[in-house]
């Protein structure tokens, strides 16, 4: 479980989707991610994609 900060500075609780977990993709603090917000509870989201950071060496 991760705390995700949105562009409007709100914080919501995010969890990793099964596709990311199955592919062993690591998500670290400070990474930019794409999320899906739950339609039933707007305080929860699913992390579906890890975006490339411009300052990372990888």
PDB file of N, CA and C in Angstrom:
ATOM      1  N   UNK A   1       0.839  -1.168   0.000  1.00  0.00           N
ATOM      2  CA  UNK A   1       0.000   0.000   0.000  1.00  0.00           C
ATOM      3  C   UNK A   1       0.893   1.243   0.000  1.00  0.00           C
ATOM      4  N   UNK A   2       0.484   2.216  -0.774  1.00  0.00           N
ATOM      5  CA  UNK A   2       1.250   3.439  -0.928  1.00  0.00           C
ATOM      6  C   UNK A   2       0.334   4.639  -0.712  1.00  0.00           C
ATOM      7  N   UNK A   3       0.893   5.709  -0.203  1.00  0.00           N
ATOM      8  CA  UNK A   3       0.191   6.987  -0.194  1.00  0.00           C
ATOM      9  C   UNK A   3       0.573   7.705  -1.473  1.00  0.00           C
ATOM     10  N   UNK A   4      -0.405   8.076  -2.260  1.00  0.00           N
ATOM     11  CA  UNK A   4      -0.180   8.694  -3.561  1.00  0.00           C
ATOM     12  C   UNK A   4      -0.597  10.163  -3.473  1.00  0.00           C
ATOM     13  N   UNK A   5       0.312  11.065  -3.851  1.00  0.00           N
ATOM     14  CA  UNK A   5      -0.002  12.488  -3.873  1.00  0.00           C
ATOM     15  C   UNK A   5      -0.414  12.877  -5.282  1.00  0.00           C
ATOM     16  N   UNK A   6      -1.605  13.429  -5.401  1.00  0.00           N
ATOM     17  CA  UNK A   6      -2.116  13.862  -6.695  1.00  0.00           C
ATOM     18  C   UNK A   6      -1.576  15.236  -7.051  1.00  0.00           C
ATOM     19  N   UNK A   7      -1.830  15.676  -8.285  1.00  0.00           N
ATOM     20  CA  UNK A   7      -1.371  16.988  -8.730  1.00  0.00           C
ATOM     21  C   UNK A   7      -1.990  18.125  -7.931  1.00  0.00           C
ATOM     22  N   UNK A   8      -3.197  17.916  -7.404  1.00  0.00           N
ATOM     23  CA  UNK A   8      -3.846  18.962  -6.616  1.00  0.00           C
ATOM     24  C   UNK A   8      -3.516  18.845  -5.128  1.00  0.00           C
ATOM     25  N   UNK A   9      -2.431  18.114  -4.790  1.00  0.00           N
ATOM     26  CA  UNK A   9      -1.886  17.947  -3.443  1.00  0.00           C
ATOM     27  C   UNK A   9      -2.757  17.102  -2.512  1.00  0.00           C
ATOM     28  N   UNK A  10      -3.792  16.424  -3.010  1.00  0.00           N
ATOM     29  CA  UNK A  10      -4.558  15.484  -2.195  1.00  0.00           C
ATOM     30  C   UNK A  10      -3.774  14.192  -2.051  1.00  0.00           C
ATOM     31  N   UNK A  11      -3.967  13.492  -0.936  1.00  0.00           N
ATOM     32  CA  UNK A  11      -3.309  12.215  -0.694  1.00  0.00           C
ATOM     33  C   UNK A  11      -4.379  11.125  -0.673  1.00  0.00           C
ATOM     34  N   UNK A  12      -4.151  10.044  -1.441  1.00  0.00           N
ATOM     35  CA  UNK A  12      -5.067   8.916  -1.441  1.00  0.00           C
ATOM     36  C   UNK A  12      -4.260   7.630  -1.303  1.00  0.00           C
ATOM     37  N   UNK A  13      -4.925   6.577  -0.874  1.00  0.00           N
ATOM     38  CA  UNK A  13      -4.284   5.296  -0.644  1.00  0.00           C
ATOM     39  C   UNK A  13      -4.286   4.482  -1.930  1.00  0.00           C
ATOM     40  N   UNK A  14      -3.112   4.021  -2.357  1.00  0.00           N
ATOM     41  CA  UNK A  14      -3.004   3.263  -3.593  1.00  0.00           C
ATOM     42  C   UNK A  14      -2.413   1.886  -3.359  1.00  0.00           C
ATOM     43  N   UNK A  15      -2.869   0.926  -4.150  1.00  0.00           N
ATOM     44  CA  UNK A  15      -2.309  -0.414  -4.088  1.00  0.00           C
ATOM     45  C   UNK A  15      -1.887  -0.832  -5.486  1.00  0.00           C
ATOM     46  N   UNK A  16      -1.010  -1.805  -5.564  1.00  0.00           N
ATOM     47  CA  UNK A  16      -0.408  -2.233  -6.822  1.00  0.00           C
ATOM     48  C   UNK A  16      -1.358  -3.196  -7.534  1.00  0.00           C
ATOM     49  N   UNK A  17      -1.524  -2.996  -8.840  1.00  0.00           N
ATOM     50  CA  UNK A  17      -2.375  -3.889  -9.618  1.00  0.00           C
ATOM     51  C   UNK A  17      -1.681  -5.239  -9.811  1.00  0.00           C
ATOM     52  N   UNK A  18      -2.462  -6.225 -10.182  1.00  0.00           N
ATOM     53  CA  UNK A  18      -1.936  -7.572 -10.353  1.00  0.00           C
ATOM     54  C   UNK A  18      -0.929  -7.693 -11.472  1.00  0.00           C
ATOM     55  N   UNK A  19      -1.096  -6.921 -12.548  1.00  0.00           N
ATOM     56  CA  UNK A  19      -0.174  -6.972 -13.682  1.00  0.00           C
ATOM     57  C   UNK A  19       1.213  -6.479 -13.283  1.00  0.00           C
ATOM     58  N   UNK A  20       1.267  -5.417 -12.473  1.00  0.00           N
ATOM     59  CA  UNK A  20       2.559  -4.903 -12.002  1.00  0.00           C
ATOM     60  C   UNK A  20       3.181  -5.899 -11.028  1.00  0.00           C
ATOM     61  N   UNK A  21       2.372  -6.471 -10.156  1.00  0.00           N
ATOM     62  CA  UNK A  21       2.878  -7.444  -9.187  1.00  0.00           C
ATOM     63  C   UNK A  21       3.402  -8.684  -9.899  1.00  0.00           C
ATOM     64  N   UNK A  22       2.709  -9.138 -10.930  1.00  0.00           N
ATOM     65  CA  UNK A  22       3.115 -10.326 -11.679  1.00  0.00           C
ATOM     66  C   UNK A  22       4.405 -10.101 -12.455  1.00  0.00           C
ATOM     67  N   UNK A  23       4.630  -8.860 -12.910  1.00  0.00           N
ATOM     68  CA  UNK A  23       5.831  -8.533 -13.685  1.00  0.00           C
ATOM     69  C   UNK A  23       7.011  -8.129 -12.812  1.00  0.00           C
ATOM     70  N   UNK A  24       6.849  -8.156 -11.476  1.00  0.00           N
ATOM     71  CA  UNK A  24       7.892  -7.811 -10.508  1.00  0.00           C
ATOM     72  C   UNK A  24       8.435  -6.394 -10.718  1.00  0.00           C
ATOM     73  N   UNK A  25       7.565  -5.453 -11.058  1.00  0.00           N
ATOM     74  CA  UNK A  25       7.972  -4.054 -11.230  1.00  0.00           C
ATOM     75  C   UNK A  25       8.032  -3.402  -9.859  1.00  0.00           C
ATOM     76  N   UNK A  26       9.155  -2.786  -9.550  1.00  0.00           N
ATOM     77  CA  UNK A  26       9.353  -2.150  -8.249  1.00  0.00           C
ATOM     78  C   UNK A  26       8.868  -0.715  -8.306  1.00  0.00           C
ATOM     79  N   UNK A  27       8.151  -0.299  -7.291  1.00  0.00           N
ATOM     80  CA  UNK A  27       7.709   1.082  -7.165  1.00  0.00           C
ATOM     81  C   UNK A  27       8.344   1.640  -5.904  1.00  0.00           C
ATOM     82  N   UNK A  28       9.074   2.744  -6.053  1.00  0.00           N
ATOM     83  CA  UNK A  28       9.772   3.359  -4.943  1.00  0.00           C
ATOM     84  C   UNK A  28       9.161   4.713  -4.621  1.00  0.00           C
ATOM     85  N   UNK A  29       9.516   5.223  -3.481  1.00  0.00           N
ATOM     86  CA  UNK A  29       9.063   6.548  -3.079  1.00  0.00           C
ATOM     87  C   UNK A  29       9.596   7.588  -4.058  1.00  0.00           C
ATOM     88  N   UNK A  30       8.745   8.459  -4.548  1.00  0.00           N
ATOM     89  CA  UNK A  30       9.147   9.486  -5.498  1.00  0.00           C
ATOM     90  C   UNK A  30       8.890   9.130  -6.947  1.00  0.00           C
ATOM     91  N   UNK A  31       8.485   7.900  -7.235  1.00  0.00           N
ATOM     92  CA  UNK A  31       8.177   7.504  -8.606  1.00  0.00           C
ATOM     93  C   UNK A  31       6.875   8.145  -9.070  1.00  0.00           C
ATOM     94  N   UNK A  32       6.800   8.425 -10.363  1.00  0.00           N
ATOM     95  CA  UNK A  32       5.576   8.931 -10.972  1.00  0.00           C
ATOM     96  C   UNK A  32       4.802   7.736 -11.506  1.00  0.00           C
ATOM     97  N   UNK A  33       3.524   7.658 -11.156  1.00  0.00           N
ATOM     98  CA  UNK A  33       2.717   6.505 -11.535  1.00  0.00           C
ATOM     99  C   UNK A  33       1.396   6.962 -12.147  1.00  0.00           C
ATOM    100  N   UNK A  34       0.791   6.058 -12.911  1.00  0.00           N
ATOM    101  CA  UNK A  34      -0.550   6.271 -13.451  1.00  0.00           C
ATOM    102  C   UNK A  34      -1.501   5.453 -12.587  1.00  0.00           C
ATOM    103  N   UNK A  35      -2.640   6.051 -12.223  1.00  0.00           N
ATOM    104  CA  UNK A  35      -3.555   5.387 -11.305  1.00  0.00           C
ATOM    105  C   UNK A  35      -4.969   5.364 -11.864  1.00  0.00           C
ATOM    106  N   UNK A  36      -5.781   4.473 -11.312  1.00  0.00           N
ATOM    107  CA  UNK A  36      -7.227   4.433 -11.539  1.00  0.00           C
ATOM    108  C   UNK A  36      -7.888   4.667 -10.194  1.00  0.00           C
ATOM    109  N   UNK A  37      -8.698   5.695 -10.079  1.00  0.00           N
ATOM    110  CA  UNK A  37      -9.399   5.980  -8.831  1.00  0.00           C
ATOM    111  C   UNK A  37     -10.674   5.156  -8.791  1.00  0.00           C
ATOM    112  N   UNK A  38     -10.943   4.579  -7.638  1.00  0.00           N
ATOM    113  CA  UNK A  38     -12.139   3.760  -7.469  1.00  0.00           C
ATOM    114  C   UNK A  38     -13.386   4.613  -7.626  1.00  0.00           C
ATOM    115  N   UNK A  39     -14.372   4.099  -8.320  1.00  0.00           N
ATOM    116  CA  UNK A  39     -15.609   4.860  -8.509  1.00  0.00           C
ATOM    117  C   UNK A  39     -16.484   4.806  -7.269  1.00  0.00           C
ATOM    118  N   UNK A  40     -16.220   3.851  -6.376  1.00  0.00           N
ATOM    119  CA  UNK A  40     -17.024   3.706  -5.174  1.00  0.00           C
ATOM    120  C   UNK A  40     -16.434   4.447  -3.982  1.00  0.00           C
ATOM    121  N   UNK A  41     -15.111   4.546  -3.928  1.00  0.00           N
ATOM    122  CA  UNK A  41     -14.435   5.200  -2.807  1.00  0.00           C
ATOM    123  C   UNK A  41     -13.319   6.067  -3.377  1.00  0.00           C
ATOM    124  N   UNK A  42     -13.504   7.365  -3.367  1.00  0.00           N
ATOM    125  CA  UNK A  42     -12.532   8.262  -4.003  1.00  0.00           C
ATOM    126  C   UNK A  42     -11.254   8.450  -3.190  1.00  0.00           C
ATOM    127  N   UNK A  43     -11.131   7.765  -2.053  1.00  0.00           N
ATOM    128  CA  UNK A  43      -9.901   7.837  -1.266  1.00  0.00           C
ATOM    129  C   UNK A  43      -8.980   6.652  -1.544  1.00  0.00           C
ATOM    130  N   UNK A  44      -9.349   5.796  -2.488  1.00  0.00           N
ATOM    131  CA  UNK A  44      -8.539   4.629  -2.838  1.00  0.00           C
ATOM    132  C   UNK A  44      -8.284   4.602  -4.341  1.00  0.00           C
ATOM    133  N   UNK A  45      -7.122   4.054  -4.709  1.00  0.00           N
ATOM    134  CA  UNK A  45      -6.786   3.961  -6.135  1.00  0.00           C
ATOM    135  C   UNK A  45      -5.954   2.711  -6.374  1.00  0.00           C
ATOM    136  N   UNK A  46      -5.849   2.354  -7.648  1.00  0.00           N
ATOM    137  CA  UNK A  46      -5.029   1.227  -8.075  1.00  0.00           C
ATOM    138  C   UNK A  46      -3.913   1.772  -8.951  1.00  0.00           C
ATOM    139  N   UNK A  47      -2.672   1.411  -8.653  1.00  0.00           N
ATOM    140  CA  UNK A  47      -1.517   1.831  -9.444  1.00  0.00           C
ATOM    141  C   UNK A  47      -1.418   0.881 -10.627  1.00  0.00           C
ATOM    142  N   UNK A  48      -1.530   1.429 -11.858  1.00  0.00           N
ATOM    143  CA  UNK A  48      -1.569   0.563 -13.035  1.00  0.00           C
ATOM    144  C   UNK A  48      -0.337   0.688 -13.922  1.00  0.00           C
ATOM    145  N   UNK A  49       0.492   1.736 -13.713  1.00  0.00           N
ATOM    146  CA  UNK A  49       1.643   1.929 -14.594  1.00  0.00           C
ATOM    147  C   UNK A  49       2.668   2.780 -13.879  1.00  0.00           C
ATOM    148  N   UNK A  50       3.946   2.429 -14.005  1.00  0.00           N
ATOM    149  CA  UNK A  50       5.040   3.225 -13.464  1.00  0.00           C
ATOM    150  C   UNK A  50       5.666   3.989 -14.617  1.00  0.00           C
ATOM    151  N   UNK A  51       5.644   5.317 -14.541  1.00  0.00           N
ATOM    152  CA  UNK A  51       6.172   6.161 -15.600  1.00  0.00           C
ATOM    153  C   UNK A  51       7.672   6.354 -15.440  1.00  0.00           C
ATOM    154  N   UNK A  52       8.356   6.631 -16.541  1.00  0.00           N
ATOM    155  CA  UNK A  52       9.788   6.883 -16.509  1.00  0.00           C
ATOM    156  C   UNK A  52      10.063   8.238 -15.871  1.00  0.00           C
ATOM    157  N   UNK A  53      11.037   8.265 -14.974  1.00  0.00           N
ATOM    158  CA  UNK A  53      11.475   9.518 -14.388  1.00  0.00           C
ATOM    159  C   UNK A  53      12.608  10.077 -15.233  1.00  0.00           C
ATOM    160  N   UNK A  54      12.583  11.347 -15.496  1.00  0.00           N
ATOM    161  CA  UNK A  54      13.609  11.957 -16.343  1.00  0.00           C
ATOM    162  C   UNK A  54      14.965  12.009 -15.654  1.00  0.00           C
ATOM    163  N   UNK A  55      15.002  12.051 -14.316  1.00  0.00           N
ATOM    164  CA  UNK A  55      16.266  12.162 -13.604  1.00  0.00           C
ATOM    165  C   UNK A  55      16.866  10.822 -13.223  1.00  0.00           C
ATOM    166  N   UNK A  56      16.190   9.698 -13.512  1.00  0.00           N
ATOM    167  CA  UNK A  56      16.746   8.399 -13.143  1.00  0.00           C
ATOM    168  C   UNK A  56      17.809   7.962 -14.151  1.00  0.00           C
ATOM    169  N   UNK A  57      18.742   7.156 -13.691  1.00  0.00           N
ATOM    170  CA  UNK A  57      19.833   6.683 -14.540  1.00  0.00           C
ATOM    171  C   UNK A  57      19.426   5.467 -15.369  1.00  0.00           C
ATOM    172  N   UNK A  58      18.331   4.767 -14.995  1.00  0.00           N
ATOM    173  CA  UNK A  58      17.911   3.545 -15.695  1.00  0.00           C
ATOM    174  C   UNK A  58      17.231   3.852 -16.980  1.00  0.00           C
TER     175      UNK A  58
END
